[in-house]
Amino acid sequence: MGTSKRWDLLRVGLCLTVVESLVLLLIVPFYWPLIGIRMIYSRADRWRYLKEAVIRSVVEFWSSAVSRSQLEKRAVKREAVRNDNL
């Protein structure tokens, strides 16, 4: 009486885990779309979204690389014009 055993702590932990899992199963489908996370249900959709993300990141990388090289070329031209004017 009045003492707790290991089984008591384990039972409370199991109950809390079950309750937490049920709450998450109920909340996730409503909360994730609000913060911008899309739920993907089929394997084909997963691959499609993955391909789109990879293509988008590659295009963004190369477009930024092209713009950087264009900026560098402009800087070299400006430097050459400055040197000619001196």
N, C-alpha and C. Protein backbone atom coordinates (compact mmCIF):
# COMPACT_ATOMS: atom_id res chain seq x y z
N MET A 1 0.83 -1.18 0.00
CA MET A 1 0.00 0.00 0.00
C MET A 1 0.88 1.25 0.00
N GLY A 2 0.62 2.13 -0.91
CA GLY A 2 1.35 3.38 -0.94
C GLY A 2 2.66 3.31 -1.71
N THR A 3 3.11 2.15 -2.09
CA THR A 3 4.34 2.06 -2.88
C THR A 3 3.98 1.77 -4.33
N SER A 4 4.80 2.26 -5.22
CA SER A 4 4.55 2.00 -6.63
C SER A 4 5.54 0.96 -7.13
N LYS A 5 5.09 0.19 -8.03
CA LYS A 5 5.94 -0.86 -8.59
C LYS A 5 6.27 -0.50 -10.03
N ARG A 6 7.21 -1.23 -10.57
CA ARG A 6 7.60 -0.98 -11.95
C ARG A 6 6.41 -1.17 -12.89
N TRP A 7 5.58 -2.12 -12.64
CA TRP A 7 4.43 -2.38 -13.51
C TRP A 7 3.50 -1.18 -13.55
N ASP A 8 3.34 -0.47 -12.43
CA ASP A 8 2.47 0.71 -12.40
C ASP A 8 2.99 1.78 -13.34
N LEU A 9 4.29 2.01 -13.31
CA LEU A 9 4.89 3.03 -14.18
C LEU A 9 4.78 2.61 -15.65
N LEU A 10 5.00 1.34 -15.91
CA LEU A 10 4.90 0.84 -17.28
C LEU A 10 3.47 0.97 -17.79
N ARG A 11 2.50 0.68 -16.95
CA ARG A 11 1.10 0.76 -17.35
C ARG A 11 0.71 2.21 -17.68
N VAL A 12 1.17 3.17 -16.87
CA VAL A 12 0.88 4.58 -17.14
C VAL A 12 1.54 5.01 -18.46
N GLY A 13 2.78 4.57 -18.67
CA GLY A 13 3.46 4.90 -19.91
C GLY A 13 2.77 4.34 -21.13
N LEU A 14 2.30 3.09 -21.04
CA LEU A 14 1.58 2.49 -22.16
C LEU A 14 0.27 3.22 -22.44
N CYS A 15 -0.45 3.57 -21.39
CA CYS A 15 -1.71 4.30 -21.58
C CYS A 15 -1.47 5.66 -22.24
N LEU A 16 -0.44 6.38 -21.78
CA LEU A 16 -0.13 7.68 -22.38
C LEU A 16 0.29 7.54 -23.84
N THR A 17 1.04 6.50 -24.15
CA THR A 17 1.46 6.27 -25.54
C THR A 17 0.26 6.00 -26.43
N VAL A 18 -0.68 5.20 -25.97
CA VAL A 18 -1.87 4.90 -26.76
C VAL A 18 -2.70 6.16 -26.96
N VAL A 19 -2.89 6.94 -25.91
CA VAL A 19 -3.68 8.17 -26.02
C VAL A 19 -3.00 9.15 -26.97
N GLU A 20 -1.68 9.30 -26.84
CA GLU A 20 -0.94 10.21 -27.72
C GLU A 20 -1.06 9.78 -29.18
N SER A 21 -0.96 8.49 -29.44
CA SER A 21 -1.07 8.00 -30.82
C SER A 21 -2.45 8.28 -31.40
N LEU A 22 -3.48 8.06 -30.61
CA LEU A 22 -4.83 8.33 -31.09
C LEU A 22 -5.05 9.82 -31.37
N VAL A 23 -4.54 10.66 -30.49
CA VAL A 23 -4.68 12.11 -30.69
C VAL A 23 -3.96 12.54 -31.96
N LEU A 24 -2.75 12.02 -32.17
CA LEU A 24 -2.01 12.37 -33.39
C LEU A 24 -2.73 11.88 -34.64
N LEU A 25 -3.29 10.69 -34.59
CA LEU A 25 -4.02 10.18 -35.75
C LEU A 25 -5.22 11.05 -36.09
N LEU A 26 -5.81 11.66 -35.09
CA LEU A 26 -6.96 12.54 -35.34
C LEU A 26 -6.54 13.94 -35.79
N ILE A 27 -5.44 14.45 -35.26
CA ILE A 27 -5.05 15.84 -35.51
C ILE A 27 -4.28 16.01 -36.83
N VAL A 28 -3.40 15.07 -37.15
CA VAL A 28 -2.49 15.22 -38.30
C VAL A 28 -3.21 15.53 -39.61
N PRO A 29 -4.27 14.83 -39.98
CA PRO A 29 -4.90 15.14 -41.28
C PRO A 29 -5.46 16.56 -41.38
N PHE A 30 -5.75 17.19 -40.27
CA PHE A 30 -6.29 18.54 -40.30
C PHE A 30 -5.20 19.59 -40.11
N TYR A 31 -4.17 19.28 -39.31
CA TYR A 31 -3.17 20.28 -38.97
C TYR A 31 -2.10 20.40 -40.05
N TRP A 32 -1.65 19.28 -40.61
CA TRP A 32 -0.57 19.34 -41.59
C TRP A 32 -0.89 20.22 -42.79
N PRO A 33 -2.06 20.14 -43.40
CA PRO A 33 -2.33 21.03 -44.54
C PRO A 33 -2.31 22.51 -44.15
N LEU A 34 -2.64 22.82 -42.92
CA LEU A 34 -2.59 24.22 -42.48
C LEU A 34 -1.18 24.77 -42.46
N ILE A 35 -0.19 23.91 -42.19
CA ILE A 35 1.20 24.38 -42.14
C ILE A 35 1.95 24.04 -43.42
N GLY A 36 1.24 23.53 -44.44
CA GLY A 36 1.84 23.34 -45.75
C GLY A 36 2.43 21.98 -46.03
N ILE A 37 2.16 20.99 -45.20
CA ILE A 37 2.66 19.64 -45.46
C ILE A 37 1.57 18.87 -46.19
N ARG A 38 1.92 18.37 -47.38
CA ARG A 38 0.95 17.60 -48.15
C ARG A 38 1.01 16.14 -47.74
N MET A 39 -0.14 15.54 -47.64
CA MET A 39 -0.18 14.12 -47.32
C MET A 39 -0.19 13.33 -48.61
N ILE A 40 0.72 12.40 -48.74
CA ILE A 40 0.85 11.60 -49.96
C ILE A 40 0.36 10.19 -49.64
N TYR A 41 -0.62 9.74 -50.39
CA TYR A 41 -1.25 8.49 -50.06
C TYR A 41 -0.74 7.31 -50.88
N SER A 42 -0.33 7.52 -52.10
CA SER A 42 0.10 6.38 -52.93
C SER A 42 1.58 6.48 -53.26
N ARG A 43 2.15 5.35 -53.60
CA ARG A 43 3.58 5.31 -53.93
C ARG A 43 3.88 6.09 -55.20
N ALA A 44 2.97 6.05 -56.17
CA ALA A 44 3.17 6.79 -57.43
C ALA A 44 3.20 8.29 -57.15
N ASP A 45 2.32 8.76 -56.26
CA ASP A 45 2.33 10.18 -55.91
C ASP A 45 3.63 10.57 -55.22
N ARG A 46 4.13 9.68 -54.36
CA ARG A 46 5.40 9.98 -53.68
C ARG A 46 6.52 10.19 -54.69
N TRP A 47 6.61 9.27 -55.67
CA TRP A 47 7.66 9.40 -56.67
C TRP A 47 7.46 10.65 -57.53
N ARG A 48 6.22 10.96 -57.86
CA ARG A 48 5.96 12.15 -58.67
C ARG A 48 6.38 13.41 -57.92
N TYR A 49 6.01 13.51 -56.64
CA TYR A 49 6.40 14.68 -55.86
C TYR A 49 7.91 14.76 -55.68
N LEU A 50 8.55 13.60 -55.51
CA LEU A 50 10.00 13.58 -55.37
C LEU A 50 10.67 14.05 -56.65
N LYS A 51 10.20 13.56 -57.80
CA LYS A 51 10.77 14.00 -59.08
C LYS A 51 10.58 15.49 -59.29
N GLU A 52 9.38 15.99 -58.96
CA GLU A 52 9.13 17.43 -59.11
C GLU A 52 10.05 18.24 -58.22
N ALA A 53 10.26 17.78 -57.00
CA ALA A 53 11.14 18.52 -56.09
C ALA A 53 12.58 18.52 -56.58
N VAL A 54 13.04 17.38 -57.08
CA VAL A 54 14.41 17.30 -57.59
C VAL A 54 14.57 18.19 -58.81
N ILE A 55 13.63 18.12 -59.74
CA ILE A 55 13.71 18.95 -60.94
C ILE A 55 13.68 20.43 -60.57
N ARG A 56 12.79 20.79 -59.63
CA ARG A 56 12.70 22.19 -59.21
C ARG A 56 14.01 22.67 -58.59
N SER A 57 14.63 21.84 -57.75
CA SER A 57 15.87 22.26 -57.11
C SER A 57 17.02 22.36 -58.12
N VAL A 58 17.06 21.44 -59.09
CA VAL A 58 18.12 21.50 -60.12
C VAL A 58 17.94 22.75 -60.98
N VAL A 59 16.71 23.04 -61.36
CA VAL A 59 16.46 24.22 -62.19
C VAL A 59 16.82 25.49 -61.42
N GLU A 60 16.45 25.55 -60.15
CA GLU A 60 16.80 26.73 -59.36
C GLU A 60 18.31 26.88 -59.20
N PHE A 61 19.01 25.75 -59.00
CA PHE A 61 20.46 25.81 -58.86
C PHE A 61 21.11 26.32 -60.13
N TRP A 62 20.72 25.76 -61.28
CA TRP A 62 21.36 26.17 -62.52
C TRP A 62 20.96 27.58 -62.93
N SER A 63 19.74 27.98 -62.64
CA SER A 63 19.37 29.35 -62.98
C SER A 63 20.14 30.34 -62.13
N SER A 64 20.37 30.00 -60.86
CA SER A 64 21.17 30.89 -60.03
C SER A 64 22.63 30.87 -60.46
N ALA A 65 23.12 29.70 -60.92
CA ALA A 65 24.51 29.62 -61.40
C ALA A 65 24.67 30.45 -62.66
N VAL A 66 23.68 30.40 -63.56
CA VAL A 66 23.75 31.19 -64.79
C VAL A 66 23.72 32.68 -64.45
N SER A 67 22.85 33.06 -63.55
CA SER A 67 22.78 34.48 -63.21
C SER A 67 24.06 34.94 -62.53
N ARG A 68 24.70 34.05 -61.74
CA ARG A 68 25.96 34.42 -61.11
C ARG A 68 27.04 34.62 -62.16
N SER A 69 27.08 33.70 -63.15
CA SER A 69 28.11 33.84 -64.18
C SER A 69 27.87 35.09 -65.02
N GLN A 70 26.60 35.42 -65.27
CA GLN A 70 26.31 36.65 -66.00
C GLN A 70 26.73 37.87 -65.19
N LEU A 71 26.49 37.84 -63.89
CA LEU A 71 26.91 38.96 -63.04
C LEU A 71 28.42 39.09 -63.03
N GLU A 72 29.12 37.95 -62.99
CA GLU A 72 30.58 38.00 -63.01
C GLU A 72 31.08 38.59 -64.34
N LYS A 73 30.45 38.20 -65.45
CA LYS A 73 30.86 38.74 -66.75
C LYS A 73 30.63 40.25 -66.79
N ARG A 74 29.51 40.71 -66.26
CA ARG A 74 29.23 42.14 -66.23
C ARG A 74 30.25 42.88 -65.37
N ALA A 75 30.62 42.26 -64.25
CA ALA A 75 31.62 42.90 -63.38
C ALA A 75 32.96 43.01 -64.08
N VAL A 76 33.32 41.97 -64.84
CA VAL A 76 34.59 42.01 -65.59
C VAL A 76 34.54 43.10 -66.65
N LYS A 77 33.40 43.23 -67.34
CA LYS A 77 33.26 44.27 -68.36
C LYS A 77 33.35 45.65 -67.72
N ARG A 78 32.68 45.83 -66.57
CA ARG A 78 32.75 47.14 -65.91
C ARG A 78 34.17 47.48 -65.50
N GLU A 79 34.88 46.47 -65.01
CA GLU A 79 36.27 46.69 -64.61
C GLU A 79 37.12 47.08 -65.81
N ALA A 80 36.88 46.41 -66.96
CA ALA A 80 37.63 46.73 -68.16
C ALA A 80 37.33 48.14 -68.64
N VAL A 81 36.06 48.55 -68.55
CA VAL A 81 35.69 49.91 -68.95
C VAL A 81 36.34 50.92 -68.02
N ARG A 82 36.36 50.64 -66.73
CA ARG A 82 37.01 51.55 -65.77
C ARG A 82 38.51 51.67 -66.08
N ASN A 83 39.14 50.55 -66.37
CA ASN A 83 40.58 50.58 -66.66
C ASN A 83 40.87 51.35 -67.95
N ASP A 84 39.97 51.23 -68.94
CA ASP A 84 40.15 51.96 -70.19
C ASP A 84 39.97 53.46 -69.98
N ASN A 85 39.07 53.85 -69.10
CA ASN A 85 38.82 55.26 -68.86
C ASN A 85 39.92 55.94 -68.05
N LEU A 86 40.71 55.14 -67.34
CA LEU A 86 41.79 55.75 -66.57
C LEU A 86 42.91 56.09 -67.44
